[in-house]
PDB file of all heavy atoms in Angstrom:
ATOM      1  N   VAL A   1      26.330  74.050   1.911  1.00  0.00           N
ATOM      2  CA  VAL A   1      26.600  72.819   2.686  1.00  0.00           C
ATOM      3  C   VAL A   1      25.367  72.457   3.458  1.00  0.00           C
ATOM      4  O   VAL A   1      24.887  71.262   3.646  1.00  0.00           O
ATOM      5  CB  VAL A   1      27.824  73.023   3.675  1.00  0.00           C
ATOM      6  CG1 VAL A   1      27.841  71.907   4.564  1.00  0.00           C
ATOM      7  CG2 VAL A   1      29.029  73.183   2.922  1.00  0.00           C
ATOM      8  N   ALA A   2      24.715  73.369   4.165  1.00  0.00           N
ATOM      9  CA  ALA A   2      23.556  73.194   4.901  1.00  0.00           C
ATOM     10  C   ALA A   2      22.434  72.606   4.048  1.00  0.00           C
ATOM     11  O   ALA A   2      21.762  71.667   4.418  1.00  0.00           O
ATOM     12  CB  ALA A   2      23.003  74.464   5.589  1.00  0.00           C
ATOM     13  N   LYS A   3      22.283  73.087   2.788  1.00  0.00           N
ATOM     14  CA  LYS A   3      21.158  72.593   1.900  1.00  0.00           C
ATOM     15  C   LYS A   3      21.551  71.203   1.385  1.00  0.00           C
ATOM     16  O   LYS A   3      20.771  70.370   1.389  1.00  0.00           O
ATOM     17  CB  LYS A   3      21.145  73.650   0.732  1.00  0.00           C
ATOM     18  CG  LYS A   3      19.849  73.181  -0.308  1.00  0.00           C
ATOM     19  CD  LYS A   3      19.761  74.201  -1.254  1.00  0.00           C
ATOM     20  CE  LYS A   3      18.627  73.833  -2.350  1.00  0.00           C
ATOM     21  NZ  LYS A   3      18.437  74.828  -3.437  1.00  0.00           N
ATOM     22  N   GLY A   4      22.825  70.976   1.132  1.00  0.00           N
ATOM     23  CA  GLY A   4      23.298  69.810   0.551  1.00  0.00           C
ATOM     24  C   GLY A   4      23.175  68.638   1.551  1.00  0.00           C
ATOM     25  O   GLY A   4      22.833  67.528   1.341  1.00  0.00           O
ATOM     26  N   ARG A   5      23.521  68.890   2.822  1.00  0.00           N
ATOM     27  CA  ARG A   5      23.472  67.924   3.860  1.00  0.00           C
ATOM     28  C   ARG A   5      22.297  67.897   4.718  1.00  0.00           C
ATOM     29  O   ARG A   5      21.969  66.980   5.503  1.00  0.00           O
ATOM     30  CB  ARG A   5      24.673  68.201   4.993  1.00  0.00           C
ATOM     31  CG  ARG A   5      26.050  68.146   4.336  1.00  0.00           C
ATOM     32  CD  ARG A   5      26.405  66.835   3.683  1.00  0.00           C
ATOM     33  NE  ARG A   5      26.143  65.846   4.739  1.00  0.00           N
ATOM     34  CZ  ARG A   5      25.990  64.597   4.349  1.00  0.00           C
ATOM     35  NH1 ARG A   5      25.821  64.236   3.137  1.00  0.00           N
ATOM     36  NH2 ARG A   5      25.879  63.559   5.357  1.00  0.00           N
ATOM     37  N   GLY A   6      21.356  68.755   4.364  1.00  0.00           N
ATOM     38  CA  GLY A   6      19.974  68.731   4.956  1.00  0.00           C
ATOM     39  C   GLY A   6      20.127  69.264   6.484  1.00  0.00           C
ATOM     40  O   GLY A   6      19.370  68.461   7.264  1.00  0.00           O
ATOM     41  N   VAL A   7      20.847  70.141   6.830  1.00  0.00           N
ATOM     42  CA  VAL A   7      21.083  70.565   8.208  1.00  0.00           C
ATOM     43  C   VAL A   7      20.871  72.069   8.379  1.00  0.00           C
ATOM     44  O   VAL A   7      20.820  72.770   7.370  1.00  0.00           O
ATOM     45  CB  VAL A   7      22.358  70.202   8.823  1.00  0.00           C
ATOM     46  CG1 VAL A   7      22.524  68.673   8.886  1.00  0.00           C
ATOM     47  CG2 VAL A   7      23.481  70.848   8.131  1.00  0.00           C
ATOM     48  N   ALA A   8      20.707  72.670   9.505  1.00  0.00           N
ATOM     49  CA  ALA A   8      20.606  74.072   9.609  1.00  0.00           C
ATOM     50  C   ALA A   8      21.990  74.742   9.390  1.00  0.00           C
ATOM     51  O   ALA A   8      22.972  74.161   9.670  1.00  0.00           O
ATOM     52  CB  ALA A   8      20.190  74.305  11.158  1.00  0.00           C
ATOM     53  N   ILE A   9      22.068  75.992   8.913  1.00  0.00           N
ATOM     54  CA  ILE A   9      23.256  76.715   8.820  1.00  0.00           C
ATOM     55  C   ILE A   9      23.874  76.806  10.043  1.00  0.00           C
ATOM     56  O   ILE A   9      25.129  76.817  10.015  1.00  0.00           O
ATOM     57  CB  ILE A   9      22.932  78.076   8.070  1.00  0.00           C
ATOM     58  CG1 ILE A   9      22.312  77.955   6.641  1.00  0.00           C
ATOM     59  CG2 ILE A   9      24.045  78.897   8.067  1.00  0.00           C
ATOM     60  CD1 ILE A   9      21.825  79.180   6.077  1.00  0.00           C
ATOM     61  N   SER A  10      23.237  76.990  11.118  1.00  0.00           N
ATOM     62  CA  SER A  10      23.871  77.187  12.381  1.00  0.00           C
ATOM     63  C   SER A  10      24.765  75.884  12.685  1.00  0.00           C
ATOM     64  O   SER A  10      25.834  75.996  13.375  1.00  0.00           O
ATOM     65  CB  SER A  10      22.934  77.510  13.513  1.00  0.00           C
ATOM     66  OG  SER A  10      21.948  76.381  13.664  1.00  0.00           O
ATOM     67  N   GLN A  11      24.282  74.751  12.380  1.00  0.00           N
ATOM     68  CA  GLN A  11      25.047  73.514  12.557  1.00  0.00           C
ATOM     69  C   GLN A  11      26.390  73.551  11.804  1.00  0.00           C
ATOM     70  O   GLN A  11      27.311  73.022  12.260  1.00  0.00           O
ATOM     71  CB  GLN A  11      24.152  72.330  12.278  1.00  0.00           C
ATOM     72  CG  GLN A  11      24.902  71.007  12.685  1.00  0.00           C
ATOM     73  CD  GLN A  11      23.965  69.781  12.356  1.00  0.00           C
ATOM     74  OE1 GLN A  11      22.738  69.984  12.290  1.00  0.00           O
ATOM     75  NE2 GLN A  11      24.552  68.675  12.112  1.00  0.00           N
ATOM     76  N   VAL A  12      26.222  74.066  10.573  1.00  0.00           N
ATOM     77  CA  VAL A  12      27.370  74.119   9.707  1.00  0.00           C
ATOM     78  C   VAL A  12      28.512  75.070  10.278  1.00  0.00           C
ATOM     79  O   VAL A  12      29.662  74.762  10.485  1.00  0.00           O
ATOM     80  CB  VAL A  12      27.108  74.538   8.386  1.00  0.00           C
ATOM     81  CG1 VAL A  12      28.376  74.626   7.491  1.00  0.00           C
ATOM     82  CG2 VAL A  12      26.154  73.592   7.673  1.00  0.00           C
ATOM     83  N   ARG A  13      28.020  76.268  10.764  1.00  0.00           N
ATOM     84  CA  ARG A  13      28.820  77.365  11.257  1.00  0.00           C
ATOM     85  C   ARG A  13      29.434  76.967  12.681  1.00  0.00           C
ATOM     86  O   ARG A  13      30.613  77.271  12.997  1.00  0.00           O
ATOM     87  CB  ARG A  13      28.088  78.606  11.281  1.00  0.00           C
ATOM     88  CG  ARG A  13      27.831  79.253   9.980  1.00  0.00           C
ATOM     89  CD  ARG A  13      27.145  80.538   9.909  1.00  0.00           C
ATOM     90  NE  ARG A  13      27.040  81.045   8.605  1.00  0.00           N
ATOM     91  CZ  ARG A  13      27.567  82.212   8.302  1.00  0.00           C
ATOM     92  NH1 ARG A  13      28.114  83.036   9.180  1.00  0.00           N
ATOM     93  NH2 ARG A  13      27.486  82.820   7.177  1.00  0.00           N
ATOM     94  N   GLU A  14      28.605  76.376  13.605  1.00  0.00           N
ATOM     95  CA  GLU A  14      29.055  76.196  14.926  1.00  0.00           C
ATOM     96  C   GLU A  14      29.476  74.801  15.156  1.00  0.00           C
ATOM     97  O   GLU A  14      30.101  74.571  16.235  1.00  0.00           O
ATOM     98  CB  GLU A  14      27.720  76.437  15.891  1.00  0.00           C
ATOM     99  CG  GLU A  14      27.227  77.916  15.828  1.00  0.00           C
ATOM    100  CD  GLU A  14      25.836  77.971  16.429  1.00  0.00           C
ATOM    101  OE1 GLU A  14      25.457  76.989  17.097  1.00  0.00           O
ATOM    102  OE2 GLU A  14      25.204  79.056  16.251  1.00  0.00           O
ATOM    103  N   GLY A  15      29.473  73.952  14.135  1.00  0.00           N
ATOM    104  CA  GLY A  15      30.113  72.634  14.176  1.00  0.00           C
ATOM    105  C   GLY A  15      30.770  72.258  12.943  1.00  0.00           C
ATOM    106  O   GLY A  15      31.504  73.192  12.418  1.00  0.00           O
ATOM    107  N   MET A  16      30.937  71.117  12.617  1.00  0.00           N
ATOM    108  CA  MET A  16      31.609  70.685  11.439  1.00  0.00           C
ATOM    109  C   MET A  16      32.936  71.148  11.331  1.00  0.00           C
ATOM    110  O   MET A  16      33.476  71.407  10.085  1.00  0.00           O
ATOM    111  CB  MET A  16      30.739  71.067  10.193  1.00  0.00           C
ATOM    112  CG  MET A  16      29.360  70.408  10.084  1.00  0.00           C
ATOM    113  SD  MET A  16      28.695  70.665   8.381  1.00  0.00           S
ATOM    114  CE  MET A  16      27.269  69.601   8.607  1.00  0.00           C
ATOM    115  N   GLY A  17      33.685  71.315  12.488  1.00  0.00           N
ATOM    116  CA  GLY A  17      35.083  71.566  12.442  1.00  0.00           C
ATOM    117  C   GLY A  17      35.519  73.143  12.529  1.00  0.00           C
ATOM    118  O   GLY A  17      36.546  73.451  12.750  1.00  0.00           O
ATOM    119  N   GLN A  18      34.380  73.933  12.117  1.00  0.00           N
ATOM    120  CA  GLN A  18      34.626  75.468  12.185  1.00  0.00           C
ATOM    121  C   GLN A  18      35.954  75.740  11.523  1.00  0.00           C
ATOM    122  O   GLN A  18      36.728  76.618  11.940  1.00  0.00           O
ATOM    123  CB  GLN A  18      34.709  75.915  13.669  1.00  0.00           C
ATOM    124  CG  GLN A  18      33.387  75.719  14.316  1.00  0.00           C
ATOM    125  CD  GLN A  18      33.292  76.415  15.720  1.00  0.00           C
ATOM    126  OE1 GLN A  18      34.327  76.800  16.231  1.00  0.00           O
ATOM    127  NE2 GLN A  18      32.100  76.336  16.339  1.00  0.00           N
ATOM    128  N   GLY A  19      36.199  75.299  10.348  1.00  0.00           N
ATOM    129  CA  GLY A  19      37.353  75.662   9.519  1.00  0.00           C
ATOM    130  C   GLY A  19      38.421  74.559   9.547  1.00  0.00           C
ATOM    131  O   GLY A  19      39.390  74.632   8.792  1.00  0.00           O
ATOM    132  N   ARG A  20      38.386  73.595  10.522  1.00  0.00           N
ATOM    133  CA  ARG A  20      39.278  72.581  10.523  1.00  0.00           C
ATOM    134  C   ARG A  20      38.776  71.322   9.677  1.00  0.00           C
ATOM    135  O   ARG A  20      37.707  71.176   9.366  1.00  0.00           O
ATOM    136  CB  ARG A  20      39.417  71.963  11.922  1.00  0.00           C
ATOM    137  CG  ARG A  20      40.073  72.968  12.843  1.00  0.00           C
ATOM    138  CD  ARG A  20      39.996  72.492  14.413  1.00  0.00           C
ATOM    139  NE  ARG A  20      40.611  73.427  15.332  1.00  0.00           N
ATOM    140  CZ  ARG A  20      40.618  73.214  16.532  1.00  0.00           C
ATOM    141  NH1 ARG A  20      39.864  72.266  17.153  1.00  0.00           N
ATOM    142  NH2 ARG A  20      41.169  74.076  17.366  1.00  0.00           N
ATOM    143  N   VAL A  21      39.820  70.463   9.245  1.00  0.00           N
ATOM    144  CA  VAL A  21      39.318  69.191   8.669  1.00  0.00           C
ATOM    145  C   VAL A  21      39.272  68.242   9.666  1.00  0.00           C
ATOM    146  O   VAL A  21      39.854  68.214  10.775  1.00  0.00           O
ATOM    147  CB  VAL A  21      40.482  68.697   7.625  1.00  0.00           C
ATOM    148  CG1 VAL A  21      40.515  69.580   6.392  1.00  0.00           C
ATOM    149  CG2 VAL A  21      41.776  68.633   8.182  1.00  0.00           C
ATOM    150  N   LEU A  22      38.212  67.329   9.571  1.00  0.00           N
ATOM    151  CA  LEU A  22      37.903  66.276  10.431  1.00  0.00           C
ATOM    152  C   LEU A  22      38.109  64.930   9.875  1.00  0.00           C
ATOM    153  O   LEU A  22      37.950  64.673   8.667  1.00  0.00           O
ATOM    154  CB  LEU A  22      36.479  66.468  10.968  1.00  0.00           C
ATOM    155  CG  LEU A  22      35.994  67.764  11.702  1.00  0.00           C
ATOM    156  CD1 LEU A  22      34.607  67.592  12.032  1.00  0.00           C
ATOM    157  CD2 LEU A  22      36.944  67.898  12.828  1.00  0.00           C
ATOM    158  N   GLY A  23      38.516  63.922  10.842  1.00  0.00           N
ATOM    159  CA  GLY A  23      38.703  62.621  10.324  1.00  0.00           C
ATOM    160  C   GLY A  23      37.468  61.925  10.152  1.00  0.00           C
ATOM    161  O   GLY A  23      36.337  62.575  10.388  1.00  0.00           O
ATOM    162  N   ALA A  24      37.343  60.697   9.605  1.00  0.00           N
ATOM    163  CA  ALA A  24      36.273  60.001   9.211  1.00  0.00           C
ATOM    164  C   ALA A  24      35.161  59.962  10.269  1.00  0.00           C
ATOM    165  O   ALA A  24      34.046  60.271  10.182  1.00  0.00           O
ATOM    166  CB  ALA A  24      36.555  58.624   8.662  1.00  0.00           C
ATOM    167  N   ASP A  25      35.587  59.507  11.492  1.00  0.00           N
ATOM    168  CA  ASP A  25      34.667  59.192  12.709  1.00  0.00           C
ATOM    169  C   ASP A  25      34.122  60.552  13.092  1.00  0.00           C
ATOM    170  O   ASP A  25      32.808  60.633  13.410  1.00  0.00           O
ATOM    171  CB  ASP A  25      35.376  58.452  13.821  1.00  0.00           C
ATOM    172  CG  ASP A  25      35.782  57.029  13.378  1.00  0.00           C
ATOM    173  OD1 ASP A  25      34.928  56.471  12.583  1.00  0.00           O
ATOM    174  OD2 ASP A  25      36.719  56.648  14.004  1.00  0.00           O
ATOM    175  N   ALA A  26      34.878  61.684  13.180  1.00  0.00           N
ATOM    176  CA  ALA A  26      34.316  62.886  13.775  1.00  0.00           C
ATOM    177  C   ALA A  26      33.401  63.553  12.692  1.00  0.00           C
ATOM    178  O   ALA A  26      32.430  64.113  13.002  1.00  0.00           O
ATOM    179  CB  ALA A  26      35.466  63.819  13.928  1.00  0.00           C
ATOM    180  N   ALA A  27      33.791  63.404  11.420  1.00  0.00           N
ATOM    181  CA  ALA A  27      32.939  63.770  10.352  1.00  0.00           C
ATOM    182  C   ALA A  27      31.526  63.216  10.267  1.00  0.00           C
ATOM    183  O   ALA A  27      30.476  63.864  10.089  1.00  0.00           O
ATOM    184  CB  ALA A  27      33.670  63.748   9.060  1.00  0.00           C
ATOM    185  N   LEU A  28      31.505  61.916  10.416  1.00  0.00           N
ATOM    186  CA  LEU A  28      30.329  60.988  10.510  1.00  0.00           C
ATOM    187  C   LEU A  28      29.412  61.500  11.735  1.00  0.00           C
ATOM    188  O   LEU A  28      28.184  61.795  11.525  1.00  0.00           O
ATOM    189  CB  LEU A  28      30.560  59.621  10.642  1.00  0.00           C
ATOM    190  CG  LEU A  28      29.182  58.780  10.600  1.00  0.00           C
ATOM    191  CD1 LEU A  28      28.549  58.963   9.308  1.00  0.00           C
ATOM    192  CD2 LEU A  28      29.726  57.257  10.855  1.00  0.00           C
ATOM    193  N   ALA A  29      30.167  61.817  12.977  1.00  0.00           N
ATOM    194  CA  ALA A  29      29.356  62.240  14.077  1.00  0.00           C
ATOM    195  C   ALA A  29      28.842  63.644  13.697  1.00  0.00           C
ATOM    196  O   ALA A  29      27.749  64.020  14.411  1.00  0.00           O
ATOM    197  CB  ALA A  29      30.295  62.289  15.324  1.00  0.00           C
ATOM    198  N   GLU A  30      29.395  64.444  12.960  1.00  0.00           N
ATOM    199  CA  GLU A  30      28.826  65.874  12.709  1.00  0.00           C
ATOM    200  C   GLU A  30      28.003  65.814  11.669  1.00  0.00           C
ATOM    201  O   GLU A  30      27.592  66.899  11.163  1.00  0.00           O
ATOM    202  CB  GLU A  30      30.101  66.807  12.449  1.00  0.00           C
ATOM    203  CG  GLU A  30      30.957  67.185  13.624  1.00  0.00           C
ATOM    204  CD  GLU A  30      30.335  68.109  14.602  1.00  0.00           C
ATOM    205  OE1 GLU A  30      29.241  68.760  14.161  1.00  0.00           O
ATOM    206  OE2 GLU A  30      30.809  68.360  15.732  1.00  0.00           O
ATOM    207  N   LYS A  31      27.558  64.611  11.042  1.00  0.00           N
ATOM    208  CA  LYS A  31      26.673  64.551   9.830  1.00  0.00           C
ATOM    209  C   LYS A  31      27.226  65.223   8.698  1.00  0.00           C
ATOM    210  O   LYS A  31      26.421  65.692   7.830  1.00  0.00           O
ATOM    211  CB  LYS A  31      25.263  65.091  10.251  1.00  0.00           C
ATOM    212  CG  LYS A  31      24.601  64.351  11.348  1.00  0.00           C
ATOM    213  CD  LYS A  31      23.211  64.837  11.664  1.00  0.00           C
ATOM    214  CE  LYS A  31      22.542  64.162  12.772  1.00  0.00           C
ATOM    215  NZ  LYS A  31      21.198  64.568  13.062  1.00  0.00           N
ATOM    216  N   MET A  32      28.603  65.290   8.582  1.00  0.00           N
ATOM    217  CA  MET A  32      29.188  65.833   7.296  1.00  0.00           C
ATOM    218  C   MET A  32      29.176  64.858   6.174  1.00  0.00           C
ATOM    219  O   MET A  32      29.393  65.153   5.051  1.00  0.00           O
ATOM    220  CB  MET A  32      30.729  66.393   7.704  1.00  0.00           C
ATOM    221  CG  MET A  32      30.660  67.399   8.787  1.00  0.00           C
ATOM    222  SD  MET A  32      32.313  67.913   9.151  1.00  0.00           S
ATOM    223  CE  MET A  32      32.911  68.575   7.744  1.00  0.00           C
ATOM    224  N   VAL A  33      29.159  63.500   6.447  1.00  0.00           N
ATOM    225  CA  VAL A  33      29.165  62.466   5.574  1.00  0.00           C
ATOM    226  C   VAL A  33      28.032  61.424   5.869  1.00  0.00           C
ATOM    227  O   VAL A  33      27.436  61.535   7.027  1.00  0.00           O
ATOM    228  CB  VAL A  33      30.491  61.734   5.476  1.00  0.00           C
ATOM    229  CG1 VAL A  33      31.638  62.615   4.941  1.00  0.00           C
ATOM    230  CG2 VAL A  33      30.846  61.138   6.948  1.00  0.00           C
ATOM    231  N   ASP A  34      27.725  60.670   4.922  1.00  0.00           N
ATOM    232  CA  ASP A  34      26.580  59.637   5.162  1.00  0.00           C
ATOM    233  C   ASP A  34      27.110  58.300   5.604  1.00  0.00           C
ATOM    234  O   ASP A  34      26.459  57.365   6.051  1.00  0.00           O
ATOM    235  CB  ASP A  34      25.869  59.489   3.959  1.00  0.00           C
ATOM    236  CG  ASP A  34      25.097  60.734   3.451  1.00  0.00           C
ATOM    237  OD1 ASP A  34      24.045  61.007   4.238  1.00  0.00           O
ATOM    238  OD2 ASP A  34      25.491  61.385   2.387  1.00  0.00           O
ATOM    239  N   GLY A  35      28.520  58.066   5.611  1.00  0.00           N
ATOM    240  CA  GLY A  35      29.114  56.845   5.963  1.00  0.00           C
ATOM    241  C   GLY A  35      30.544  56.852   5.680  1.00  0.00           C
ATOM    242  O   GLY A  35      31.092  57.690   5.043  1.00  0.00           O
ATOM    243  N   ILE A  36      31.260  55.828   6.272  1.00  0.00           N
ATOM    244  CA  ILE A  36      32.732  55.595   6.116  1.00  0.00           C
ATOM    245  C   ILE A  36      32.731  54.385   5.360  1.00  0.00           C
ATOM    246  O   ILE A  36      32.407  53.224   5.568  1.00  0.00           O
ATOM    247  CB  ILE A  36      33.450  55.446   7.474  1.00  0.00           C
ATOM    248  CG1 ILE A  36      33.041  56.647   8.371  1.00  0.00           C
ATOM    249  CG2 ILE A  36      34.837  55.197   7.258  1.00  0.00           C
ATOM    250  CD1 ILE A  36      33.466  56.557   9.740  1.00  0.00           C
ATOM    251  N   SER A  37      33.572  54.404   4.186  1.00  0.00           N
ATOM    252  CA  SER A  37      33.624  53.248   3.194  1.00  0.00           C
ATOM    253  C   SER A  37      34.724  53.487   2.282  1.00  0.00           C
ATOM    254  O   SER A  37      35.181  54.553   2.045  1.00  0.00           O
ATOM    255  CB  SER A  37      32.246  53.171   2.509  1.00  0.00           C
ATOM    256  OG  SER A  37      32.288  52.014   1.565  1.00  0.00           O
TER     257      SER A  37
END
């Protein structure tokens, strides 16, 4: 995920829901997606 999204592994582990699913706005804020569409 870190490689695909271009972020640090720590950002994936310490953010991005930490095992939870996130809604569109929260996912965009965490840089899990590139946009809402």
